[in-house]
């Protein structure tokens, strides 16, 4: 039997350059399967760009990326990677789509467009809605949901393909404090119960030290890849944000 790849993400010597502007500069790291990792860094430091490279939506100018031993685009198209983009809680969704329809759209990478839904597909979608506590909202239009409900719906959509890796980009923007805490509780449960590898982008230092297990600190270059409790040294923060720079925090959760 083929062994499961020990690493969910392997990034080696990755550079991303737009015209004369270097966004990522020789970034290298490896994330073992099952780890819960946060990416933190200043605005413009390359966090979202790195996610796009990992998703295969952006090709690096130099270097290589593998997701479970595969090319990023291949892994994403096979449903191995779930993705929750920025500001989903604030998105203006005017077209009439229900929660259930939105979650089903996340199953398409596995089942393919235009194919018949199988029992396995149905079970995967139901499981995703149950895990995220949106099953009771299945007939409700996504545009009528609260920020927290919409956030959980998009996580359910990302889980519908039964991924092994979940990427989230600033997912708590526009979400109230109570929903934010429920969200982090859900992520810990998904990581622990499903052994789901999670990569979470956040500007909130408190999240990096209280929720995730490991931190990638990124400011064009990789400043550190360490356990979260090792991250909060003044030297590390100075290297990441610059001396005397205000460290961004979110509202307490």
Protein backbone atom coordinates (compact mmCIF):
# COMPACT_ATOMS: atom_id res chain seq x y z
CA UNK A 1 0.00 0.00 0.00
CA UNK A 2 1.30 3.44 -0.89
CA UNK A 3 2.27 5.48 2.16
CA UNK A 4 0.45 8.73 2.76
CA UNK A 5 2.66 11.70 1.98
CA UNK A 6 4.22 12.93 5.22
CA UNK A 7 4.01 16.56 4.14
CA UNK A 8 0.86 18.42 3.23
CA UNK A 9 2.78 21.40 1.82
CA UNK A 10 6.36 21.63 0.58
CA UNK A 11 7.55 25.06 -0.56
CA UNK A 12 11.11 25.34 -1.81
CA UNK A 13 12.94 28.54 -2.74
CA UNK A 14 9.78 30.26 -3.99
CA UNK A 15 9.98 33.76 -5.45
CA UNK A 16 7.08 35.77 -6.84
CA UNK A 17 7.83 38.94 -8.74
CA UNK A 18 5.47 41.38 -10.46
CA UNK A 19 7.40 43.58 -12.87
CA UNK A 20 10.22 44.94 -10.68
CA UNK A 21 8.45 44.32 -7.37
CA UNK A 22 9.50 41.22 -5.40
CA UNK A 23 6.50 39.89 -3.40
CA UNK A 24 8.03 36.65 -2.08
CA UNK A 25 11.78 36.21 -1.76
CA UNK A 26 13.14 32.65 -1.64
CA UNK A 27 10.54 31.28 0.75
CA UNK A 28 11.04 27.67 1.87
CA UNK A 29 9.15 25.56 4.42
CA UNK A 30 7.39 22.21 4.84
CA UNK A 31 4.17 21.57 6.77
CA UNK A 32 3.56 17.99 7.95
CA UNK A 33 0.13 16.46 7.40
CA UNK A 34 -2.25 17.19 10.26
CA UNK A 35 -0.61 20.41 11.47
CA UNK A 36 -2.58 23.57 12.32
CA UNK A 37 -0.52 26.53 11.12
CA UNK A 38 -1.08 30.29 11.08
CA UNK A 39 0.49 32.75 8.65
CA UNK A 40 1.08 36.21 10.08
CA UNK A 41 2.83 39.30 8.82
CA UNK A 42 2.36 42.94 7.84
CA UNK A 43 0.01 44.10 5.09
CA UNK A 44 1.76 43.66 1.77
CA UNK A 45 4.07 41.02 3.24
CA UNK A 46 2.96 38.34 0.78
CA UNK A 47 0.47 36.26 2.82
CA UNK A 48 -2.33 36.15 0.25
CA UNK A 49 0.18 35.74 -2.58
CA UNK A 50 1.61 32.68 -0.82
CA UNK A 51 -1.88 31.17 -0.51
CA UNK A 52 -2.48 31.69 -4.23
CA UNK A 53 0.80 29.92 -5.00
CA UNK A 54 -0.16 27.00 -2.75
CA UNK A 55 -3.56 26.82 -4.48
CA UNK A 56 -1.95 26.78 -7.91
CA UNK A 57 -3.74 30.01 -8.88
CA UNK A 58 -0.41 31.81 -9.23
CA UNK A 59 2.80 30.35 -10.59
CA UNK A 60 6.00 31.39 -8.81
CA UNK A 61 8.72 33.18 -10.71
CA UNK A 62 11.17 30.72 -9.19
CA UNK A 63 11.01 27.66 -6.96
CA UNK A 64 8.61 24.74 -6.49
CA UNK A 65 5.49 23.87 -4.50
CA UNK A 66 4.00 20.44 -3.84
CA UNK A 67 0.73 19.57 -2.12
CA UNK A 68 0.74 15.99 -0.83
CA UNK A 69 3.42 15.27 -3.41
CA UNK A 70 1.44 16.74 -6.32
CA UNK A 71 1.40 19.95 -8.30
CA UNK A 72 -0.86 22.50 -6.53
CA UNK A 73 -3.34 22.82 -9.40
CA UNK A 74 -3.68 19.04 -9.66
CA UNK A 75 -4.30 18.65 -5.93
CA UNK A 76 -6.91 21.44 -5.96
CA UNK A 77 -8.76 20.05 -8.98
CA UNK A 78 -8.91 16.63 -7.32
CA UNK A 79 -10.58 18.14 -4.27
CA UNK A 80 -7.65 17.67 -1.90
CA UNK A 81 -7.59 21.37 -1.03
CA UNK A 82 -10.45 23.40 0.43
CA UNK A 83 -10.27 27.19 0.33
CA UNK A 84 -12.15 29.96 2.14
CA UNK A 85 -11.26 33.32 0.55
CA UNK A 86 -11.13 36.76 2.14
CA UNK A 87 -14.25 38.61 3.31
CA UNK A 88 -16.79 35.85 2.68
CA UNK A 89 -18.80 37.09 5.66
CA UNK A 90 -19.11 40.48 3.97
CA UNK A 91 -19.60 39.32 0.39
CA UNK A 92 -22.56 40.83 -1.43
CA UNK A 93 -24.28 37.73 -2.79
CA UNK A 94 -27.27 39.02 -4.70
CA UNK A 95 -28.02 35.94 -6.83
CA UNK A 96 -30.56 33.53 -5.32
CA UNK A 97 -28.51 30.58 -4.11
CA UNK A 98 -29.40 28.52 -1.06
CA UNK A 99 -26.99 27.29 1.59
CA UNK A 100 -27.35 23.73 0.32
CA UNK A 101 -26.67 24.77 -3.28
CA UNK A 102 -23.61 26.74 -2.19
CA UNK A 103 -22.23 23.75 -0.29
CA UNK A 104 -22.92 21.43 -3.24
CA UNK A 105 -20.82 23.71 -5.46
CA UNK A 106 -17.82 22.73 -3.35
CA UNK A 107 -18.36 19.08 -4.30
CA UNK A 108 -17.96 19.67 -8.05
CA UNK A 109 -14.15 19.19 -8.14
CA UNK A 110 -14.72 15.58 -7.02
CA UNK A 111 -17.91 14.66 -8.91
CA UNK A 112 -17.50 16.81 -12.02
CA UNK A 113 -20.02 19.12 -13.60
CA UNK A 114 -23.00 17.47 -15.26
CA UNK A 115 -22.60 14.10 -13.56
CA UNK A 116 -25.21 12.35 -11.43
CA UNK A 117 -25.01 12.79 -7.69
CA UNK A 118 -24.08 9.59 -5.89
CA UNK A 119 -24.80 8.50 -2.34
CA UNK A 120 -21.19 9.26 -1.48
CA UNK A 121 -21.60 12.83 -2.78
CA UNK A 122 -24.77 13.27 -0.74
CA UNK A 123 -23.10 11.96 2.41
CA UNK A 124 -20.10 14.28 1.94
CA UNK A 125 -22.30 17.35 1.55
CA UNK A 126 -24.47 16.40 4.52
CA UNK A 127 -21.39 15.78 6.65
CA UNK A 128 -19.94 19.18 5.68
CA UNK A 129 -23.16 20.97 6.63
CA UNK A 130 -23.44 19.03 9.90
CA UNK A 131 -19.83 19.70 10.92
CA UNK A 132 -20.31 23.44 10.38
CA UNK A 133 -23.81 23.58 11.90
CA UNK A 134 -25.58 24.93 8.80
CA UNK A 135 -27.77 21.92 7.94
CA UNK A 136 -30.81 23.63 9.47
CA UNK A 137 -30.20 26.59 7.15
CA UNK A 138 -30.08 24.49 3.97
CA UNK A 139 -33.02 26.22 2.23
CA UNK A 140 -32.11 29.73 3.33
CA UNK A 141 -30.61 32.10 0.75
CA UNK A 142 -26.94 32.81 1.39
CA UNK A 143 -27.52 36.54 0.91
CA UNK A 144 -29.86 36.62 3.92
CA UNK A 145 -27.44 35.00 6.38
CA UNK A 146 -25.60 36.69 9.22
CA UNK A 147 -21.83 37.08 8.91
CA UNK A 148 -21.16 34.05 11.12
CA UNK A 149 -23.68 31.87 9.27
CA UNK A 150 -22.25 32.86 5.92
CA UNK A 151 -18.75 32.11 7.14
CA UNK A 152 -19.79 28.62 8.26
CA UNK A 153 -21.52 28.06 4.91
CA UNK A 154 -18.32 28.82 3.00
CA UNK A 155 -16.35 26.52 5.29
CA UNK A 156 -18.93 23.79 4.59
CA UNK A 157 -18.46 24.46 0.88
CA UNK A 158 -14.69 24.04 1.30
CA UNK A 159 -15.20 20.78 3.20
CA UNK A 160 -17.65 19.27 0.70
CA UNK A 161 -14.84 17.83 -1.44
CA UNK A 162 -13.49 16.05 1.68
CA UNK A 163 -10.13 17.83 1.44
CA UNK A 164 -6.99 16.94 3.35
CA UNK A 165 -5.88 20.59 3.46
CA UNK A 166 -7.96 23.65 4.37
CA UNK A 167 -6.72 27.17 3.53
CA UNK A 168 -8.40 30.25 5.03
CA UNK A 169 -7.50 33.86 4.22
CA UNK A 170 -8.46 36.38 6.95
CA UNK A 171 -11.71 34.45 7.49
CA UNK A 172 -13.03 36.36 10.52
CA UNK A 173 -13.29 39.77 8.85
CA UNK A 174 -16.84 41.05 9.36
CA UNK A 175 -17.73 38.41 11.94
CA UNK A 176 -18.91 39.29 15.46
CA UNK A 177 -16.97 38.23 18.55
CA UNK A 178 -19.26 35.32 19.50
CA UNK A 179 -19.20 33.89 15.97
CA UNK A 180 -15.44 34.33 15.86
CA UNK A 181 -14.94 32.19 18.93
CA UNK A 182 -17.29 29.51 17.53
CA UNK A 183 -15.24 29.60 14.34
CA UNK A 184 -11.95 28.92 16.12
CA UNK A 185 -13.56 26.14 18.14
CA UNK A 186 -14.72 24.58 14.87
CA UNK A 187 -11.24 24.76 13.34
CA UNK A 188 -9.68 23.03 16.35
CA UNK A 189 -12.33 20.30 16.12
CA UNK A 190 -11.72 19.78 12.40
CA UNK A 191 -7.98 19.58 13.00
CA UNK A 192 -8.30 17.16 15.92
CA UNK A 193 -11.16 14.94 14.74
CA UNK A 194 -10.47 14.77 11.00
CA UNK A 195 -6.68 15.24 11.15
CA UNK A 196 -7.30 18.06 8.67
CA UNK A 197 -4.23 20.14 7.87
CA UNK A 198 -5.16 23.80 8.32
CA UNK A 199 -3.34 26.90 7.07
CA UNK A 200 -4.89 30.10 8.42
CA UNK A 201 -3.93 33.65 7.44
CA UNK A 202 -4.62 36.21 10.15
CA UNK A 203 -3.27 39.62 11.15
CA UNK A 204 -4.28 38.93 14.76
CA UNK A 205 -1.28 38.13 16.96
CA UNK A 206 -3.58 36.78 19.70
CA UNK A 207 -4.90 34.14 17.30
CA UNK A 208 -1.38 33.12 16.41
CA UNK A 209 -0.50 32.48 20.04
CA UNK A 210 -3.76 31.10 21.44
CA UNK A 211 -5.31 29.08 18.60
CA UNK A 212 -2.80 27.67 16.13
CA UNK A 213 -0.01 25.24 16.99
CA UNK A 214 2.62 26.61 14.60
CA UNK A 215 3.35 30.00 13.06
CA UNK A 216 4.78 31.03 9.70
CA UNK A 217 5.91 34.66 10.00
CA UNK A 218 6.15 36.22 6.57
CA UNK A 219 7.37 39.60 5.37
CA UNK A 220 8.51 38.99 1.79
CA UNK A 221 10.98 36.54 3.29
CA UNK A 222 10.16 33.80 5.80
CA UNK A 223 11.07 35.32 9.17
CA UNK A 224 10.33 32.15 11.15
CA UNK A 225 8.51 28.83 11.13
CA UNK A 226 8.10 27.90 14.77
CA UNK A 227 5.76 26.70 17.49
CA UNK A 228 3.29 29.41 18.41
CA UNK A 229 4.61 29.83 21.97
CA UNK A 230 8.03 30.70 20.55
CA UNK A 231 6.68 33.45 18.33
CA UNK A 232 6.01 36.33 20.72
CA UNK A 233 9.59 37.38 21.46
CA UNK A 234 10.28 41.08 20.95
CA UNK A 235 13.14 40.24 18.62
CA UNK A 236 10.82 38.16 16.43
CA UNK A 237 8.17 40.89 16.31
CA UNK A 238 10.80 43.53 15.49
CA UNK A 239 12.13 41.38 12.65
CA UNK A 240 8.62 40.88 11.29
CA UNK A 241 7.09 44.35 11.66
CA UNK A 242 10.09 46.59 12.27
CA UNK A 243 11.14 48.27 15.49
CA UNK A 244 8.63 50.67 16.95
CA UNK A 245 5.85 49.53 14.60
CA UNK A 246 2.38 49.05 16.14
CA UNK A 247 1.51 45.35 16.26
CA UNK A 248 -1.97 44.74 14.83
CA UNK A 249 -4.59 43.03 16.98
CA UNK A 250 -8.19 42.12 16.44
CA UNK A 251 -10.94 42.53 18.96
CA UNK A 252 -10.58 40.00 21.77
CA UNK A 253 -12.27 36.70 21.22
